[in-house]
Amino acid sequence: MVQLPALNTPQFSWVKNRLRRKLQPMGPIFQPEVAADAILWASQHDRREIFVTGSTVKAILANRLAPGLLDHYLARTAVEGQQHDGPADPNAPNNLYQPVPGEYAARGAFTEQARGNSVQLWGTKHRGWVILGAIVTGIAASALLQNGDD
């Protein structure tokens, strides 16, 4: 299972929108290449679940620890968080009943805000080095603390 973040895809440009303002992905936005990298890596490694970004980790942990609290938070913030400046065009073409004509790339309209990499994904892909670094840091901190007691 690859747990994906908000992605900068063109779906927000052609989805049927009945809200007052234009739609956007909620939360930190990532380029679709981040998702593609995670999915490809997951297909080649024996990992049951991959959290692609820090925002994904936060959402999943919040849902596991306090699902009701997360539901209340999202009920208050999600509608507003999925809209951005600019009025929505009620007559804009949408893909509700048929595909929108034209050629579309993988990226959407949020390239300026979208992040092109994920520290969380890097840590997942290099888990052994991260664990080794944590162990070395722990040993060094312990040695420093012991020397400070002398």
N, C-alpha and C. Protein backbone atom coordinates (compact mmCIF):
# COMPACT_ATOMS: atom_id res chain seq x y z
N MET A 1 0.85 -1.17 0.00
CA MET A 1 0.00 0.00 0.00
C MET A 1 0.90 1.23 0.00
N VAL A 2 0.76 2.06 -1.00
CA VAL A 2 1.52 3.30 -1.08
C VAL A 2 0.58 4.43 -0.69
N GLN A 3 0.84 5.04 0.45
CA GLN A 3 0.00 6.12 0.98
C GLN A 3 0.48 7.43 0.37
N LEU A 4 -0.34 8.01 -0.50
CA LEU A 4 0.06 9.18 -1.27
C LEU A 4 -0.39 10.49 -0.62
N PRO A 5 0.34 11.56 -0.91
CA PRO A 5 -0.05 12.89 -0.44
C PRO A 5 -0.93 13.60 -1.47
N ALA A 6 -1.19 14.87 -1.25
CA ALA A 6 -1.87 15.70 -2.24
C ALA A 6 -0.93 15.86 -3.43
N LEU A 7 -1.46 15.66 -4.63
CA LEU A 7 -0.61 15.70 -5.82
C LEU A 7 -1.07 16.78 -6.80
N ASN A 8 -0.10 17.36 -7.47
CA ASN A 8 -0.33 18.38 -8.48
C ASN A 8 -0.69 17.70 -9.81
N THR A 9 -1.93 17.26 -9.90
CA THR A 9 -2.39 16.63 -11.13
C THR A 9 -3.47 17.51 -11.77
N PRO A 10 -3.75 17.31 -13.05
CA PRO A 10 -4.73 18.15 -13.73
C PRO A 10 -6.18 17.89 -13.34
N GLN A 11 -6.43 16.92 -12.47
CA GLN A 11 -7.82 16.61 -12.11
C GLN A 11 -8.56 17.83 -11.56
N PHE A 12 -7.84 18.74 -10.94
CA PHE A 12 -8.50 19.91 -10.34
C PHE A 12 -8.93 20.92 -11.40
N SER A 13 -8.46 20.75 -12.61
CA SER A 13 -8.84 21.64 -13.70
C SER A 13 -10.08 21.16 -14.44
N TRP A 14 -10.41 19.86 -14.37
CA TRP A 14 -11.53 19.38 -15.17
C TRP A 14 -12.62 18.67 -14.36
N VAL A 15 -12.45 18.58 -13.06
CA VAL A 15 -13.47 17.94 -12.25
C VAL A 15 -14.69 18.87 -12.13
N LYS A 16 -15.88 18.29 -12.03
CA LYS A 16 -17.10 19.08 -11.85
C LYS A 16 -17.02 19.78 -10.50
N ASN A 17 -17.18 21.09 -10.52
CA ASN A 17 -17.03 21.89 -9.31
C ASN A 17 -18.28 22.74 -9.11
N ARG A 18 -18.93 22.55 -7.98
CA ARG A 18 -20.10 23.36 -7.65
C ARG A 18 -19.82 24.30 -6.48
N LEU A 19 -18.57 24.39 -6.11
CA LEU A 19 -18.18 25.33 -5.06
C LEU A 19 -17.97 26.72 -5.66
N ARG A 20 -17.86 27.71 -4.81
CA ARG A 20 -17.72 29.09 -5.29
C ARG A 20 -16.36 29.40 -5.88
N ARG A 21 -15.33 28.75 -5.34
CA ARG A 21 -13.98 29.05 -5.79
C ARG A 21 -13.35 27.85 -6.48
N LYS A 22 -12.20 28.07 -7.11
CA LYS A 22 -11.47 27.02 -7.81
C LYS A 22 -10.99 25.97 -6.81
N LEU A 23 -10.82 24.75 -7.29
CA LEU A 23 -10.38 23.64 -6.44
C LEU A 23 -8.87 23.52 -6.42
N GLN A 24 -8.38 22.95 -5.33
CA GLN A 24 -6.95 22.67 -5.19
C GLN A 24 -6.77 21.46 -4.29
N PRO A 25 -5.62 20.80 -4.37
CA PRO A 25 -5.34 19.72 -3.42
C PRO A 25 -5.14 20.30 -2.03
N MET A 26 -5.51 19.54 -1.01
CA MET A 26 -5.40 20.04 0.37
C MET A 26 -4.10 19.57 0.99
N GLY A 27 -3.45 20.47 1.67
CA GLY A 27 -2.21 20.14 2.36
C GLY A 27 -1.00 20.45 1.51
N PRO A 28 0.16 20.07 1.96
CA PRO A 28 1.34 20.27 1.12
C PRO A 28 1.16 19.50 -0.19
N ILE A 29 1.45 20.16 -1.28
CA ILE A 29 1.24 19.57 -2.61
C ILE A 29 2.58 19.05 -3.14
N PHE A 30 2.56 17.88 -3.74
CA PHE A 30 3.76 17.28 -4.31
C PHE A 30 3.55 17.01 -5.79
N GLN A 31 4.66 17.04 -6.53
CA GLN A 31 4.60 16.73 -7.95
C GLN A 31 4.25 15.26 -8.14
N PRO A 32 3.57 14.91 -9.22
CA PRO A 32 3.20 13.51 -9.45
C PRO A 32 4.41 12.58 -9.58
N GLU A 33 5.57 13.14 -9.93
CA GLU A 33 6.78 12.32 -10.03
C GLU A 33 7.18 11.72 -8.68
N VAL A 34 6.84 12.41 -7.59
CA VAL A 34 7.12 11.87 -6.26
C VAL A 34 6.31 10.59 -6.05
N ALA A 35 5.05 10.63 -6.43
CA ALA A 35 4.20 9.43 -6.32
C ALA A 35 4.70 8.32 -7.24
N ALA A 36 5.07 8.68 -8.46
CA ALA A 36 5.57 7.68 -9.40
C ALA A 36 6.83 7.01 -8.87
N ASP A 37 7.73 7.80 -8.30
CA ASP A 37 8.96 7.27 -7.71
C ASP A 37 8.63 6.28 -6.59
N ALA A 38 7.69 6.65 -5.73
CA ALA A 38 7.31 5.79 -4.60
C ALA A 38 6.68 4.49 -5.09
N ILE A 39 5.81 4.60 -6.07
CA ILE A 39 5.12 3.41 -6.59
C ILE A 39 6.11 2.47 -7.28
N LEU A 40 7.00 3.02 -8.07
CA LEU A 40 8.02 2.19 -8.72
C LEU A 40 8.90 1.51 -7.68
N TRP A 41 9.35 2.26 -6.68
CA TRP A 41 10.21 1.70 -5.64
C TRP A 41 9.46 0.60 -4.88
N ALA A 42 8.20 0.85 -4.57
CA ALA A 42 7.40 -0.15 -3.84
C ALA A 42 7.23 -1.43 -4.64
N SER A 43 7.12 -1.29 -5.95
CA SER A 43 6.94 -2.48 -6.79
C SER A 43 8.19 -3.34 -6.85
N GLN A 44 9.32 -2.78 -6.49
CA GLN A 44 10.58 -3.50 -6.57
C GLN A 44 11.14 -3.90 -5.21
N HIS A 45 10.43 -3.57 -4.13
CA HIS A 45 10.90 -3.88 -2.79
C HIS A 45 9.79 -4.53 -1.97
N ASP A 46 10.20 -5.35 -1.04
CA ASP A 46 9.24 -6.08 -0.21
C ASP A 46 8.88 -5.24 1.01
N ARG A 47 7.97 -4.33 0.82
CA ARG A 47 7.53 -3.46 1.91
C ARG A 47 6.00 -3.48 1.91
N ARG A 48 5.39 -3.75 3.02
CA ARG A 48 3.93 -3.86 3.10
C ARG A 48 3.24 -2.51 2.88
N GLU A 49 3.80 -1.45 3.43
CA GLU A 49 3.16 -0.14 3.34
C GLU A 49 4.24 0.93 3.27
N ILE A 50 4.00 1.95 2.45
CA ILE A 50 4.96 3.05 2.30
C ILE A 50 4.21 4.36 2.51
N PHE A 51 4.75 5.17 3.40
CA PHE A 51 4.23 6.53 3.61
C PHE A 51 5.13 7.46 2.81
N VAL A 52 4.57 8.15 1.85
CA VAL A 52 5.37 8.89 0.88
C VAL A 52 5.86 10.23 1.42
N THR A 53 5.08 10.89 2.25
CA THR A 53 5.49 12.22 2.76
C THR A 53 5.19 12.34 4.24
N GLY A 54 5.75 13.36 4.85
CA GLY A 54 5.48 13.64 6.26
C GLY A 54 4.01 13.93 6.51
N SER A 55 3.36 14.62 5.58
CA SER A 55 1.94 14.92 5.75
C SER A 55 1.10 13.64 5.73
N THR A 56 1.53 12.66 4.95
CA THR A 56 0.85 11.37 4.92
C THR A 56 1.00 10.67 6.26
N VAL A 57 2.20 10.70 6.81
CA VAL A 57 2.45 10.08 8.12
C VAL A 57 1.57 10.74 9.17
N LYS A 58 1.52 12.07 9.18
CA LYS A 58 0.70 12.79 10.17
C LYS A 58 -0.77 12.41 10.06
N ALA A 59 -1.29 12.37 8.84
CA ALA A 59 -2.71 12.05 8.65
C ALA A 59 -3.02 10.63 9.11
N ILE A 60 -2.16 9.68 8.78
CA ILE A 60 -2.42 8.28 9.15
C ILE A 60 -2.29 8.10 10.66
N LEU A 61 -1.27 8.71 11.27
CA LEU A 61 -1.13 8.60 12.73
C LEU A 61 -2.30 9.26 13.45
N ALA A 62 -2.71 10.43 12.98
CA ALA A 62 -3.86 11.11 13.61
C ALA A 62 -5.11 10.25 13.49
N ASN A 63 -5.30 9.61 12.36
CA ASN A 63 -6.47 8.76 12.17
C ASN A 63 -6.41 7.52 13.06
N ARG A 64 -5.21 7.01 13.30
CA ARG A 64 -5.07 5.83 14.15
C ARG A 64 -5.21 6.18 15.63
N LEU A 65 -4.70 7.35 16.03
CA LEU A 65 -4.71 7.72 17.44
C LEU A 65 -6.00 8.38 17.90
N ALA A 66 -6.55 9.23 17.06
CA ALA A 66 -7.75 9.98 17.45
C ALA A 66 -8.64 10.22 16.22
N PRO A 67 -9.24 9.16 15.69
CA PRO A 67 -10.00 9.32 14.45
C PRO A 67 -11.16 10.30 14.55
N GLY A 68 -11.85 10.32 15.68
CA GLY A 68 -12.96 11.25 15.85
C GLY A 68 -12.49 12.70 15.83
N LEU A 69 -11.37 12.95 16.48
CA LEU A 69 -10.81 14.30 16.52
C LEU A 69 -10.40 14.74 15.11
N LEU A 70 -9.79 13.84 14.36
CA LEU A 70 -9.40 14.15 12.99
C LEU A 70 -10.64 14.43 12.14
N ASP A 71 -11.70 13.65 12.32
CA ASP A 71 -12.94 13.88 11.58
C ASP A 71 -13.50 15.27 11.86
N HIS A 72 -13.49 15.69 13.12
CA HIS A 72 -14.00 17.02 13.47
C HIS A 72 -13.13 18.11 12.85
N TYR A 73 -11.82 17.92 12.89
CA TYR A 73 -10.91 18.91 12.30
C TYR A 73 -11.16 19.03 10.80
N LEU A 74 -11.26 17.89 10.11
CA LEU A 74 -11.49 17.93 8.67
C LEU A 74 -12.87 18.49 8.33
N ALA A 75 -13.86 18.23 9.15
CA ALA A 75 -15.19 18.79 8.91
C ALA A 75 -15.15 20.31 8.95
N ARG A 76 -14.29 20.87 9.81
CA ARG A 76 -14.17 22.33 9.92
C ARG A 76 -13.28 22.94 8.85
N THR A 77 -12.30 22.20 8.33
CA THR A 77 -11.28 22.82 7.47
C THR A 77 -11.22 22.30 6.04
N ALA A 78 -11.76 21.15 5.75
CA ALA A 78 -11.52 20.51 4.45
C ALA A 78 -12.16 21.25 3.28
N VAL A 79 -13.39 21.73 3.43
CA VAL A 79 -14.04 22.40 2.31
C VAL A 79 -13.26 23.66 1.94
N GLU A 80 -12.91 24.46 2.93
CA GLU A 80 -12.14 25.68 2.68
C GLU A 80 -10.74 25.35 2.18
N GLY A 81 -10.13 24.30 2.75
CA GLY A 81 -8.77 23.92 2.38
C GLY A 81 -8.63 23.39 0.97
N GLN A 82 -9.73 22.98 0.36
CA GLN A 82 -9.68 22.44 -0.99
C GLN A 82 -10.08 23.47 -2.05
N GLN A 83 -10.09 24.75 -1.64
CA GLN A 83 -10.39 25.83 -2.57
C GLN A 83 -9.28 26.86 -2.51
N HIS A 84 -9.10 27.60 -3.61
CA HIS A 84 -8.10 28.67 -3.59
C HIS A 84 -8.67 29.89 -4.26
N ASP A 85 -7.87 30.95 -4.27
CA ASP A 85 -8.33 32.23 -4.79
C ASP A 85 -8.84 32.12 -6.21
N GLY A 86 -9.84 32.88 -6.49
CA GLY A 86 -10.41 32.93 -7.82
C GLY A 86 -11.75 32.23 -7.89
N PRO A 87 -12.72 32.87 -8.50
CA PRO A 87 -14.03 32.25 -8.60
C PRO A 87 -14.01 31.07 -9.57
N ALA A 88 -14.80 30.06 -9.25
CA ALA A 88 -14.93 28.91 -10.13
C ALA A 88 -15.81 29.28 -11.31
N ASP A 89 -15.52 28.74 -12.46
CA ASP A 89 -16.34 28.94 -13.65
C ASP A 89 -17.38 27.83 -13.69
N PRO A 90 -18.66 28.13 -13.45
CA PRO A 90 -19.68 27.08 -13.44
C PRO A 90 -19.88 26.42 -14.80
N ASN A 91 -19.40 27.06 -15.88
CA ASN A 91 -19.56 26.50 -17.22
C ASN A 91 -18.28 25.85 -17.74
N ALA A 92 -17.30 25.69 -16.88
CA ALA A 92 -16.03 25.08 -17.31
C ALA A 92 -16.28 23.63 -17.72
N PRO A 93 -15.56 23.16 -18.75
CA PRO A 93 -15.72 21.75 -19.13
C PRO A 93 -15.32 20.84 -17.97
N ASN A 94 -16.02 19.73 -17.82
CA ASN A 94 -15.69 18.79 -16.74
C ASN A 94 -15.82 17.37 -17.26
N ASN A 95 -15.29 16.46 -16.50
CA ASN A 95 -15.27 15.05 -16.92
C ASN A 95 -16.30 14.21 -16.20
N LEU A 96 -17.38 14.82 -15.72
CA LEU A 96 -18.38 14.07 -14.98
C LEU A 96 -19.05 13.01 -15.85
N TYR A 97 -19.41 13.36 -17.06
CA TYR A 97 -20.12 12.42 -17.93
C TYR A 97 -19.31 11.94 -19.13
N GLN A 98 -18.27 12.66 -19.47
CA GLN A 98 -17.41 12.27 -20.58
C GLN A 98 -16.05 12.92 -20.41
N PRO A 99 -15.02 12.35 -21.02
CA PRO A 99 -13.68 12.95 -20.89
C PRO A 99 -13.64 14.36 -21.46
N VAL A 100 -12.81 15.19 -20.86
CA VAL A 100 -12.61 16.53 -21.38
C VAL A 100 -11.66 16.42 -22.57
N PRO A 101 -12.03 17.00 -23.71
CA PRO A 101 -11.15 16.90 -24.88
C PRO A 101 -9.84 17.63 -24.66
N GLY A 102 -8.81 17.17 -25.34
CA GLY A 102 -7.51 17.83 -25.26
C GLY A 102 -6.43 16.90 -24.77
N GLU A 103 -5.22 17.40 -24.82
CA GLU A 103 -4.05 16.66 -24.35
C GLU A 103 -3.68 17.21 -22.98
N TYR A 104 -3.37 16.32 -22.06
CA TYR A 104 -3.03 16.74 -20.71
C TYR A 104 -1.76 16.05 -20.25
N ALA A 105 -0.94 16.78 -19.56
CA ALA A 105 0.28 16.24 -18.98
C ALA A 105 -0.04 15.71 -17.58
N ALA A 106 0.94 15.16 -16.91
CA ALA A 106 0.73 14.62 -15.56
C ALA A 106 0.61 15.73 -14.52
N ARG A 107 1.22 16.87 -14.78
CA ARG A 107 1.21 17.96 -13.81
C ARG A 107 0.00 18.87 -14.00
N GLY A 108 -0.46 19.40 -12.88
CA GLY A 108 -1.59 20.31 -12.90
C GLY A 108 -1.16 21.76 -12.80
N ALA A 109 -2.04 22.59 -12.27
CA ALA A 109 -1.84 24.03 -12.24
C ALA A 109 -1.09 24.53 -10.99
N PHE A 110 -0.59 23.63 -10.15
CA PHE A 110 0.00 24.04 -8.88
C PHE A 110 1.51 23.81 -8.83
N THR A 111 2.17 23.94 -9.96
CA THR A 111 3.60 23.68 -10.05
C THR A 111 4.40 24.60 -9.12
N GLU A 112 3.98 25.84 -8.99
CA GLU A 112 4.72 26.79 -8.14
C GLU A 112 4.72 26.36 -6.67
N GLN A 113 3.63 25.78 -6.19
CA GLN A 113 3.55 25.37 -4.79
C GLN A 113 4.03 23.93 -4.55
N ALA A 114 4.06 23.14 -5.60
CA ALA A 114 4.32 21.70 -5.44
C ALA A 114 5.80 21.42 -5.17
N ARG A 115 6.01 20.48 -4.29
CA ARG A 115 7.37 20.05 -3.94
C ARG A 115 7.78 18.90 -4.86
N GLY A 116 9.04 18.89 -5.24
CA GLY A 116 9.53 17.89 -6.17
C GLY A 116 10.18 16.69 -5.52
N ASN A 117 10.29 16.70 -4.19
CA ASN A 117 10.87 15.54 -3.51
C ASN A 117 10.27 15.42 -2.12
N SER A 118 10.55 14.30 -1.48
CA SER A 118 10.00 14.02 -0.16
C SER A 118 11.10 13.45 0.74
N VAL A 119 11.34 14.12 1.85
CA VAL A 119 12.32 13.63 2.82
C VAL A 119 11.86 12.29 3.39
N GLN A 120 10.56 12.16 3.62
CA GLN A 120 10.00 10.92 4.14
C GLN A 120 10.28 9.75 3.18
N LEU A 121 10.06 9.98 1.90
CA LEU A 121 10.30 8.92 0.91
C LEU A 121 11.78 8.58 0.85
N TRP A 122 12.64 9.59 0.90
CA TRP A 122 14.08 9.33 0.91
C TRP A 122 14.43 8.46 2.11
N GLY A 123 13.89 8.79 3.29
CA GLY A 123 14.15 8.01 4.49
C GLY A 123 13.64 6.58 4.37
N THR A 124 12.50 6.42 3.73
CA THR A 124 11.95 5.08 3.50
C THR A 124 12.87 4.27 2.59
N LYS A 125 13.33 4.89 1.54
CA LYS A 125 14.17 4.19 0.58
C LYS A 125 15.57 3.89 1.13
N HIS A 126 16.00 4.66 2.11
CA HIS A 126 17.34 4.49 2.70
C HIS A 126 17.23 4.17 4.20
N ARG A 127 16.27 3.35 4.53
CA ARG A 127 15.96 3.04 5.93
C ARG A 127 17.17 2.52 6.71
N GLY A 128 17.98 1.68 6.09
CA GLY A 128 19.16 1.14 6.76
C GLY A 128 20.13 2.23 7.18
N TRP A 129 20.37 3.18 6.28
CA TRP A 129 21.28 4.28 6.62
C TRP A 129 20.68 5.19 7.69
N VAL A 130 19.39 5.39 7.65
CA VAL A 130 18.73 6.22 8.67
C VAL A 130 18.86 5.57 10.04
N ILE A 131 18.61 4.27 10.11
CA ILE A 131 18.73 3.55 11.38
C ILE A 131 20.17 3.57 11.87
N LEU A 132 21.12 3.33 10.97
CA LEU A 132 22.54 3.38 11.35
C LEU A 132 22.91 4.76 11.87
N GLY A 133 22.46 5.79 11.20
CA GLY A 133 22.74 7.17 11.64
C GLY A 133 22.15 7.45 13.01
N ALA A 134 20.95 6.95 13.27
CA ALA A 134 20.32 7.14 14.58
C ALA A 134 21.10 6.41 15.67
N ILE A 135 21.59 5.21 15.36
CA ILE A 135 22.37 4.45 16.34
C ILE A 135 23.67 5.16 16.64
N VAL A 136 24.38 5.60 15.60
CA VAL A 136 25.66 6.31 15.79
C VAL A 136 25.43 7.59 16.58
N THR A 137 24.38 8.33 16.27
CA THR A 137 24.07 9.56 16.99
C THR A 137 23.76 9.27 18.46
N GLY A 138 23.00 8.20 18.69
CA GLY A 138 22.69 7.81 20.08
C GLY A 138 23.94 7.44 20.86
N ILE A 139 24.84 6.69 20.24
CA ILE A 139 26.09 6.30 20.91
C ILE A 139 26.94 7.53 21.19
N ALA A 140 27.04 8.43 20.22
CA ALA A 140 27.83 9.65 20.41
C ALA A 140 27.24 10.51 21.52
N ALA A 141 25.92 10.66 21.54
CA ALA A 141 25.26 11.46 22.59
C ALA A 141 25.48 10.83 23.95
N SER A 142 25.39 9.51 24.02
CA SER A 142 25.61 8.81 25.28
C SER A 142 27.05 9.01 25.77
N ALA A 143 28.01 8.92 24.84
CA ALA A 143 29.42 9.12 25.22
C ALA A 143 29.65 10.54 25.70
N LEU A 144 29.05 11.52 25.04
CA LEU A 144 29.19 12.92 25.46
C LEU A 144 28.59 13.14 26.84
N LEU A 145 27.44 12.53 27.09
CA LEU A 145 26.80 12.69 28.40
C LEU A 145 27.62 12.03 29.50
N GLN A 146 28.21 10.89 29.20
CA GLN A 146 29.04 10.19 30.20
C GLN A 146 30.30 11.00 30.47
N ASN A 147 30.89 11.60 29.45
CA ASN A 147 32.10 12.41 29.64
C ASN A 147 31.76 13.68 30.41
N GLY A 148 30.56 14.18 30.26
CA GLY A 148 30.14 15.39 30.99
C GLY A 148 29.95 15.11 32.47
N ASP A 149 29.67 13.86 32.83
CA ASP A 149 29.47 13.51 34.25
C ASP A 149 30.81 13.37 34.98
N ASP A 150 31.90 13.22 34.27
CA ASP A 150 33.22 12.99 34.92
C ASP A 150 33.79 14.25 35.48
